[in-house]
Amino acid sequence: MTREPFHEALQRIEFELLELGELAGSAVQRSVEAVSERDDEKAMKVIEGDDSIDELYLRIDNGTLSLLALQSPVAADLRLISAILHSCLHLERIGDQAVNVAKLHLMTRDAVGSDAMRGQIREMGDLVVQMLRTAMEAFAKRDLELCQKLPTMDDPVDRLNRATHLEALKLADDPAALDWGLHMNLAARALERVGDNAVDIAEQVSFLITGEFREFTDASHEVQT
């Protein structure tokens, strides 16, 4: 394989990664809508759509590893390959978290629950989807400033995650409602993990741009934007 086809193949794989980001983000958004709108059909679509996410993940992973086997990439190409491999795994995990949220809805669909808690879940979903799209935009544009916004964007997600625990405690007098609330705590935790995965992707993009790996975790006050 000559260098030109190699770079064409690498560019195609990167486009597929951006497509995977869109699929994962849409799955999260739909799963949250299933909870907030009490929509079983949307939950089922998330679960059924996970096969497409897994198939694209495997195509990206196998394609990237094939490039490594056929070529000896230079430093910049090697960083891109590394960032793709790590990021596509994070995106596959985000798809799994969307499935978890959808299944948690279906497990408790007959419960009345709490509109306040559904609102918190919806707000968390909106935030983490925006985080994911920001991380993928940073990847597409090689934008370090966008990467560095992710830790700060994650702060309200963490606060909402904690707030759902307090909201669940308000349901303690009703065992059925409390059971629903505990399941929604798990849904909130899944969304919190989506946010963490978005931050992890931003770390990979930062490595791609700078050549230095830096963890963003708990670094929101240290990052200069």
C-alpha atoms as a PDB file:
ATOM      1  CA  MET A   1       0.000   0.000   0.000  1.00  0.00           C
ATOM      2  CA  THR A   2       1.429   3.387  -0.994  1.00  0.00           C
ATOM      3  CA  ARG A   3       1.321   6.441   1.244  1.00  0.00           C
ATOM      4  CA  GLU A   4      -1.539   8.123  -0.663  1.00  0.00           C
ATOM      5  CA  PRO A   5      -4.006   5.225  -0.326  1.00  0.00           C
ATOM      6  CA  PHE A   6      -2.922   4.866   3.292  1.00  0.00           C
ATOM      7  CA  HIS A   7      -3.955   8.422   4.056  1.00  0.00           C
ATOM      8  CA  GLU A   8      -7.167   8.037   2.086  1.00  0.00           C
ATOM      9  CA  ALA A   9      -8.007   4.948   4.141  1.00  0.00           C
ATOM     10  CA  LEU A  10      -7.155   6.771   7.358  1.00  0.00           C
ATOM     11  CA  GLN A  11      -9.353   9.702   6.382  1.00  0.00           C
ATOM     12  CA  ARG A  12     -12.237   7.343   5.590  1.00  0.00           C
ATOM     13  CA  ILE A  13     -11.880   5.714   9.011  1.00  0.00           C
ATOM     14  CA  GLU A  14     -11.921   9.116  10.679  1.00  0.00           C
ATOM     15  CA  PHE A  15     -15.158   9.969   8.839  1.00  0.00           C
ATOM     16  CA  GLU A  16     -16.592   6.697  10.127  1.00  0.00           C
ATOM     17  CA  LEU A  17     -15.562   7.708  13.661  1.00  0.00           C
ATOM     18  CA  LEU A  18     -17.475  10.971  13.313  1.00  0.00           C
ATOM     19  CA  GLU A  19     -20.474   8.987  12.078  1.00  0.00           C
ATOM     20  CA  LEU A  20     -20.178   6.735  15.131  1.00  0.00           C
ATOM     21  CA  GLY A  21     -20.204   9.839  17.319  1.00  0.00           C
ATOM     22  CA  GLU A  22     -23.485  10.947  15.747  1.00  0.00           C
ATOM     23  CA  LEU A  23     -25.046   7.506  16.241  1.00  0.00           C
ATOM     24  CA  ALA A  24     -23.959   7.365  19.879  1.00  0.00           C
ATOM     25  CA  GLY A  25     -25.182  10.880  20.601  1.00  0.00           C
ATOM     26  CA  SER A  26     -28.555  10.196  18.992  1.00  0.00           C
ATOM     27  CA  ALA A  27     -28.904   6.992  21.016  1.00  0.00           C
ATOM     28  CA  VAL A  28     -28.313   8.865  24.264  1.00  0.00           C
ATOM     29  CA  GLN A  29     -30.771  11.597  23.300  1.00  0.00           C
ATOM     30  CA  ARG A  30     -33.450   9.059  22.385  1.00  0.00           C
ATOM     31  CA  SER A  31     -32.937   7.050  25.576  1.00  0.00           C
ATOM     32  CA  VAL A  32     -33.377  10.180  27.693  1.00  0.00           C
ATOM     33  CA  GLU A  33     -36.521  11.086  25.760  1.00  0.00           C
ATOM     34  CA  ALA A  34     -37.821   7.580  26.487  1.00  0.00           C
ATOM     35  CA  VAL A  35     -37.482   8.310  30.215  1.00  0.00           C
ATOM     36  CA  SER A  36     -38.748  11.888  30.223  1.00  0.00           C
ATOM     37  CA  GLU A  37     -41.646  11.224  27.823  1.00  0.00           C
ATOM     38  CA  ARG A  38     -42.368   7.698  29.111  1.00  0.00           C
ATOM     39  CA  ASP A  39     -42.005   6.464  25.537  1.00  0.00           C
ATOM     40  CA  ASP A  40     -41.523   2.694  25.237  1.00  0.00           C
ATOM     41  CA  GLU A  41     -41.096   2.838  21.468  1.00  0.00           C
ATOM     42  CA  LYS A  42     -38.098   5.164  21.711  1.00  0.00           C
ATOM     43  CA  ALA A  43     -36.523   2.900  24.314  1.00  0.00           C
ATOM     44  CA  MET A  44     -36.913  -0.103  22.031  1.00  0.00           C
ATOM     45  CA  LYS A  45     -35.364   1.791  19.110  1.00  0.00           C
ATOM     46  CA  VAL A  46     -32.294   2.542  21.235  1.00  0.00           C
ATOM     47  CA  ILE A  47     -31.878  -1.124  22.114  1.00  0.00           C
ATOM     48  CA  GLU A  48     -32.417  -2.271  18.532  1.00  0.00           C
ATOM     49  CA  GLY A  49     -30.096   0.414  17.155  1.00  0.00           C
ATOM     50  CA  ASP A  50     -27.174  -0.708  19.297  1.00  0.00           C
ATOM     51  CA  ASP A  51     -26.288  -3.370  16.714  1.00  0.00           C
ATOM     52  CA  SER A  52     -25.501  -0.620  14.202  1.00  0.00           C
ATOM     53  CA  ILE A  53     -23.225   1.096  16.717  1.00  0.00           C
ATOM     54  CA  ASP A  54     -21.420  -2.154  17.477  1.00  0.00           C
ATOM     55  CA  GLU A  55     -20.997  -2.984  13.778  1.00  0.00           C
ATOM     56  CA  LEU A  56     -19.516   0.423  12.988  1.00  0.00           C
ATOM     57  CA  TYR A  57     -17.258   0.221  16.037  1.00  0.00           C
ATOM     58  CA  LEU A  58     -15.893  -3.120  14.844  1.00  0.00           C
ATOM     59  CA  ARG A  59     -15.402  -1.810  11.305  1.00  0.00           C
ATOM     60  CA  ILE A  60     -13.413   1.151  12.605  1.00  0.00           C
ATOM     61  CA  ASP A  61     -11.401  -0.992  15.003  1.00  0.00           C
ATOM     62  CA  ASN A  62     -10.578  -3.669  12.411  1.00  0.00           C
ATOM     63  CA  GLY A  63      -9.824  -1.121   9.708  1.00  0.00           C
ATOM     64  CA  THR A  64      -7.473   0.815  11.940  1.00  0.00           C
ATOM     65  CA  LEU A  65      -5.629  -2.306  13.054  1.00  0.00           C
ATOM     66  CA  SER A  66      -5.304  -3.385   9.405  1.00  0.00           C
ATOM     67  CA  LEU A  67      -3.618  -0.077   8.592  1.00  0.00           C
ATOM     68  CA  LEU A  68      -1.164  -0.667  11.413  1.00  0.00           C
ATOM     69  CA  ALA A  69      -0.398  -4.131  10.086  1.00  0.00           C
ATOM     70  CA  LEU A  70       0.216  -2.896   6.538  1.00  0.00           C
ATOM     71  CA  GLN A  71       2.149   0.275   7.307  1.00  0.00           C
ATOM     72  CA  SER A  72       4.665   1.724   9.718  1.00  0.00           C
ATOM     73  CA  PRO A  73       2.995   5.075  10.397  1.00  0.00           C
ATOM     74  CA  VAL A  74       5.045   8.162  11.170  1.00  0.00           C
ATOM     75  CA  ALA A  75       4.508   9.933  14.505  1.00  0.00           C
ATOM     76  CA  ALA A  76       1.579  12.153  13.473  1.00  0.00           C
ATOM     77  CA  ASP A  77      -0.252   9.277  11.774  1.00  0.00           C
ATOM     78  CA  LEU A  78       0.405   7.030  14.735  1.00  0.00           C
ATOM     79  CA  ARG A  79      -1.148   9.576  17.102  1.00  0.00           C
ATOM     80  CA  LEU A  80      -4.225   9.769  14.907  1.00  0.00           C
ATOM     81  CA  ILE A  81      -4.528   5.983  14.820  1.00  0.00           C
ATOM     82  CA  SER A  82      -4.180   5.836  18.607  1.00  0.00           C
ATOM     83  CA  ALA A  83      -6.792   8.566  19.083  1.00  0.00           C
ATOM     84  CA  ILE A  84      -9.212   6.780  16.754  1.00  0.00           C
ATOM     85  CA  LEU A  85      -8.790   3.433  18.502  1.00  0.00           C
ATOM     86  CA  HIS A  86      -9.350   4.921  21.954  1.00  0.00           C
ATOM     87  CA  SER A  87     -12.199   7.202  20.904  1.00  0.00           C
ATOM     88  CA  CYS A  88     -14.167   4.548  19.048  1.00  0.00           C
ATOM     89  CA  LEU A  89     -14.085   2.384  22.179  1.00  0.00           C
ATOM     90  CA  HIS A  90     -15.445   5.287  24.238  1.00  0.00           C
ATOM     91  CA  LEU A  91     -18.204   5.801  21.677  1.00  0.00           C
ATOM     92  CA  GLU A  92     -19.161   2.131  21.778  1.00  0.00           C
ATOM     93  CA  ARG A  93     -19.396   2.400  25.564  1.00  0.00           C
ATOM     94  CA  ILE A  94     -21.587   5.489  25.225  1.00  0.00           C
ATOM     95  CA  GLY A  95     -23.926   3.432  23.045  1.00  0.00           C
ATOM     96  CA  ASP A  96     -24.017   0.799  25.784  1.00  0.00           C
ATOM     97  CA  GLN A  97     -24.916   3.436  28.373  1.00  0.00           C
ATOM     98  CA  ALA A  98     -27.789   4.619  26.172  1.00  0.00           C
ATOM     99  CA  VAL A  99     -29.044   1.028  26.076  1.00  0.00           C
ATOM    100  CA  ASN A 100     -28.785   0.860  29.876  1.00  0.00           C
ATOM    101  CA  VAL A 101     -30.946   3.984  30.242  1.00  0.00           C
ATOM    102  CA  ALA A 102     -33.502   2.613  27.786  1.00  0.00           C
ATOM    103  CA  LYS A 103     -33.695  -0.721  29.612  1.00  0.00           C
ATOM    104  CA  LEU A 104     -34.076   1.008  32.971  1.00  0.00           C
ATOM    105  CA  HIS A 105     -37.080   2.865  31.582  1.00  0.00           C
ATOM    106  CA  LEU A 106     -38.661  -0.330  30.303  1.00  0.00           C
ATOM    107  CA  MET A 107     -38.110  -2.052  33.647  1.00  0.00           C
ATOM    108  CA  THR A 108     -40.061   0.685  35.456  1.00  0.00           C
ATOM    109  CA  ARG A 109     -42.439   1.920  32.750  1.00  0.00           C
ATOM    110  CA  ASP A 110     -45.565   1.283  34.831  1.00  0.00           C
ATOM    111  CA  ALA A 111     -44.352   3.394  37.763  1.00  0.00           C
ATOM    112  CA  VAL A 112     -45.695   6.913  38.214  1.00  0.00           C
ATOM    113  CA  GLY A 113     -42.305   8.160  39.368  1.00  0.00           C
ATOM    114  CA  SER A 114     -41.334  11.787  39.757  1.00  0.00           C
ATOM    115  CA  ASP A 115     -41.637  14.499  37.111  1.00  0.00           C
ATOM    116  CA  ALA A 116     -38.890  16.444  38.878  1.00  0.00           C
ATOM    117  CA  MET A 117     -36.513  13.508  38.557  1.00  0.00           C
ATOM    118  CA  ARG A 118     -37.474  12.974  34.919  1.00  0.00           C
ATOM    119  CA  GLY A 119     -36.597  16.621  34.363  1.00  0.00           C
ATOM    120  CA  GLN A 120     -33.180  16.082  35.923  1.00  0.00           C
ATOM    121  CA  ILE A 121     -32.558  13.080  33.678  1.00  0.00           C
ATOM    122  CA  ARG A 122     -33.607  15.089  30.628  1.00  0.00           C
ATOM    123  CA  GLU A 123     -31.300  17.961  31.592  1.00  0.00           C
ATOM    124  CA  MET A 124     -28.391  15.560  32.145  1.00  0.00           C
ATOM    125  CA  GLY A 125     -29.053  14.017  28.755  1.00  0.00           C
ATOM    126  CA  ASP A 126     -29.027  17.375  26.991  1.00  0.00           C
ATOM    127  CA  LEU A 127     -25.752  18.285  28.685  1.00  0.00           C
ATOM    128  CA  VAL A 128     -23.875  15.066  27.952  1.00  0.00           C
ATOM    129  CA  VAL A 129     -25.038  14.986  24.322  1.00  0.00           C
ATOM    130  CA  GLN A 130     -23.696  18.518  23.933  1.00  0.00           C
ATOM    131  CA  MET A 131     -20.432  17.408  25.559  1.00  0.00           C
ATOM    132  CA  LEU A 132     -20.120  14.519  23.134  1.00  0.00           C
ATOM    133  CA  ARG A 133     -20.825  16.707  20.125  1.00  0.00           C
ATOM    134  CA  THR A 134     -18.274  19.245  21.334  1.00  0.00           C
ATOM    135  CA  ALA A 135     -15.643  16.524  21.705  1.00  0.00           C
ATOM    136  CA  MET A 136     -16.361  15.172  18.213  1.00  0.00           C
ATOM    137  CA  GLU A 137     -16.285  18.693  16.750  1.00  0.00           C
ATOM    138  CA  ALA A 138     -12.913  19.176  18.421  1.00  0.00           C
ATOM    139  CA  PHE A 139     -11.750  15.955  16.763  1.00  0.00           C
ATOM    140  CA  ALA A 140     -12.983  17.021  13.326  1.00  0.00           C
ATOM    141  CA  LYS A 141     -11.468  20.522  13.589  1.00  0.00           C
ATOM    142  CA  ARG A 142      -8.357  19.610  15.645  1.00  0.00           C
ATOM    143  CA  ASP A 143      -9.481  22.337  18.064  1.00  0.00           C
ATOM    144  CA  LEU A 144      -7.603  22.316  21.367  1.00  0.00           C
ATOM    145  CA  GLU A 145      -9.720  25.121  22.827  1.00  0.00           C
ATOM    146  CA  LEU A 146     -12.868  23.051  22.378  1.00  0.00           C
ATOM    147  CA  CYS A 147     -11.170  20.085  24.070  1.00  0.00           C
ATOM    148  CA  GLN A 148     -10.356  22.175  27.090  1.00  0.00           C
ATOM    149  CA  LYS A 149     -14.014  23.143  27.578  1.00  0.00           C
ATOM    150  CA  LEU A 150     -15.071  19.579  28.363  1.00  0.00           C
ATOM    151  CA  PRO A 151     -14.075  19.423  32.063  1.00  0.00           C
ATOM    152  CA  THR A 152     -16.058  22.575  32.845  1.00  0.00           C
ATOM    153  CA  MET A 153     -19.018  21.281  30.835  1.00  0.00           C
ATOM    154  CA  ASP A 154     -18.914  18.136  32.974  1.00  0.00           C
ATOM    155  CA  ASP A 155     -19.382  20.001  36.279  1.00  0.00           C
ATOM    156  CA  PRO A 156     -23.178  20.526  36.030  1.00  0.00           C
ATOM    157  CA  VAL A 157     -23.579  16.886  34.959  1.00  0.00           C
ATOM    158  CA  ASP A 158     -21.905  15.776  38.180  1.00  0.00           C
ATOM    159  CA  ARG A 159     -24.098  18.142  40.217  1.00  0.00           C
ATOM    160  CA  LEU A 160     -27.260  16.813  38.604  1.00  0.00           C
ATOM    161  CA  ASN A 161     -26.131  13.244  39.204  1.00  0.00           C
ATOM    162  CA  ARG A 162     -25.841  14.002  42.915  1.00  0.00           C
ATOM    163  CA  ALA A 163     -29.170  15.820  42.888  1.00  0.00           C
ATOM    164  CA  THR A 164     -30.988  12.738  41.595  1.00  0.00           C
ATOM    165  CA  HIS A 165     -29.967  10.893  44.766  1.00  0.00           C
ATOM    166  CA  LEU A 166     -31.637  13.571  46.888  1.00  0.00           C
ATOM    167  CA  GLU A 167     -34.724  13.485  44.687  1.00  0.00           C
ATOM    168  CA  ALA A 168     -34.971   9.704  45.051  1.00  0.00           C
ATOM    169  CA  LEU A 169     -34.912  10.042  48.839  1.00  0.00           C
ATOM    170  CA  LYS A 170     -38.082  12.142  48.643  1.00  0.00           C
ATOM    171  CA  LEU A 171     -39.856   9.019  47.351  1.00  0.00           C
ATOM    172  CA  ALA A 172     -38.931   6.910  50.389  1.00  0.00           C
ATOM    173  CA  ASP A 173     -42.480   6.843  51.782  1.00  0.00           C
ATOM    174  CA  ASP A 174     -43.734   4.963  48.701  1.00  0.00           C
ATOM    175  CA  PRO A 175     -41.865   1.665  48.080  1.00  0.00           C
ATOM    176  CA  ALA A 176     -42.930   1.465  44.431  1.00  0.00           C
ATOM    177  CA  ALA A 177     -41.932   5.071  43.768  1.00  0.00           C
ATOM    178  CA  LEU A 178     -38.649   4.566  45.615  1.00  0.00           C
ATOM    179  CA  ASP A 179     -37.862   1.532  43.463  1.00  0.00           C
ATOM    180  CA  TRP A 180     -38.418   3.664  40.371  1.00  0.00           C
ATOM    181  CA  GLY A 181     -36.215   6.387  41.856  1.00  0.00           C
ATOM    182  CA  LEU A 182     -33.372   3.957  42.510  1.00  0.00           C
ATOM    183  CA  HIS A 183     -33.572   2.747  38.929  1.00  0.00           C
ATOM    184  CA  MET A 184     -33.417   6.361  37.761  1.00  0.00           C
ATOM    185  CA  ASN A 185     -30.353   6.865  39.953  1.00  0.00           C
ATOM    186  CA  LEU A 186     -28.742   4.153  37.846  1.00  0.00           C
ATOM    187  CA  ALA A 187     -29.865   5.957  34.687  1.00  0.00           C
ATOM    188  CA  ALA A 188     -28.298   9.170  35.980  1.00  0.00           C
ATOM    189  CA  ARG A 189     -25.095   7.291  36.711  1.00  0.00           C
ATOM    190  CA  ALA A 190     -25.088   5.959  33.150  1.00  0.00           C
ATOM    191  CA  LEU A 191     -25.430   9.511  31.822  1.00  0.00           C
ATOM    192  CA  GLU A 192     -22.660  10.686  34.125  1.00  0.00           C
ATOM    193  CA  ARG A 193     -20.455   8.008  32.552  1.00  0.00           C
ATOM    194  CA  VAL A 194     -21.361   9.334  29.091  1.00  0.00           C
ATOM    195  CA  GLY A 195     -20.001  12.693  30.205  1.00  0.00           C
ATOM    196  CA  ASP A 196     -16.826  11.040  31.455  1.00  0.00           C
ATOM    197  CA  ASN A 197     -16.380   9.270  28.132  1.00  0.00           C
ATOM    198  CA  ALA A 198     -16.795  12.577  26.286  1.00  0.00           C
ATOM    199  CA  VAL A 199     -14.020  14.045  28.454  1.00  0.00           C
ATOM    200  CA  ASP A 200     -11.864  11.003  27.664  1.00  0.00           C
ATOM    201  CA  ILE A 201     -12.350  11.602  23.929  1.00  0.00           C
ATOM    202  CA  ALA A 202     -11.330  15.230  24.399  1.00  0.00           C
ATOM    203  CA  GLU A 203      -8.157  14.002  26.115  1.00  0.00           C
ATOM    204  CA  GLN A 204      -7.407  11.882  23.048  1.00  0.00           C
ATOM    205  CA  VAL A 205      -7.928  14.865  20.751  1.00  0.00           C
ATOM    206  CA  SER A 206      -5.627  16.969  22.906  1.00  0.00           C
ATOM    207  CA  PHE A 207      -2.981  14.235  22.600  1.00  0.00           C
ATOM    208  CA  LEU A 208      -3.511  14.145  18.839  1.00  0.00           C
ATOM    209  CA  ILE A 209      -2.963  17.895  18.564  1.00  0.00           C
ATOM    210  CA  THR A 210      -0.124  18.405  21.047  1.00  0.00           C
ATOM    211  CA  GLY A 211       1.644  15.042  21.135  1.00  0.00           C
ATOM    212  CA  GLU A 212       1.386  15.075  24.937  1.00  0.00           C
ATOM    213  CA  PHE A 213      -1.223  13.117  26.876  1.00  0.00           C
ATOM    214  CA  ARG A 214      -2.881  14.972  29.721  1.00  0.00           C
ATOM    215  CA  GLU A 215      -5.765  13.831  31.882  1.00  0.00           C
ATOM    216  CA  PHE A 216      -8.468  16.471  32.188  1.00  0.00           C
ATOM    217  CA  THR A 217     -10.136  14.851  35.214  1.00  0.00           C
ATOM    218  CA  ASP A 218     -10.593  17.344  38.053  1.00  0.00           C
ATOM    219  CA  ALA A 219      -8.609  19.861  36.024  1.00  0.00           C
ATOM    220  CA  SER A 220     -11.358  22.335  35.141  1.00  0.00           C
ATOM    221  CA  HIS A 221      -9.766  25.122  37.168  1.00  0.00           C
ATOM    222  CA  GLU A 222      -6.322  24.466  35.725  1.00  0.00           C
ATOM    223  CA  VAL A 223      -7.275  24.508  32.064  1.00  0.00           C
ATOM    224  CA  GLN A 224      -6.659  27.807  30.313  1.00  0.00           C
ATOM    225  CA  THR A 225      -9.139  28.527  27.540  1.00  0.00           C
END
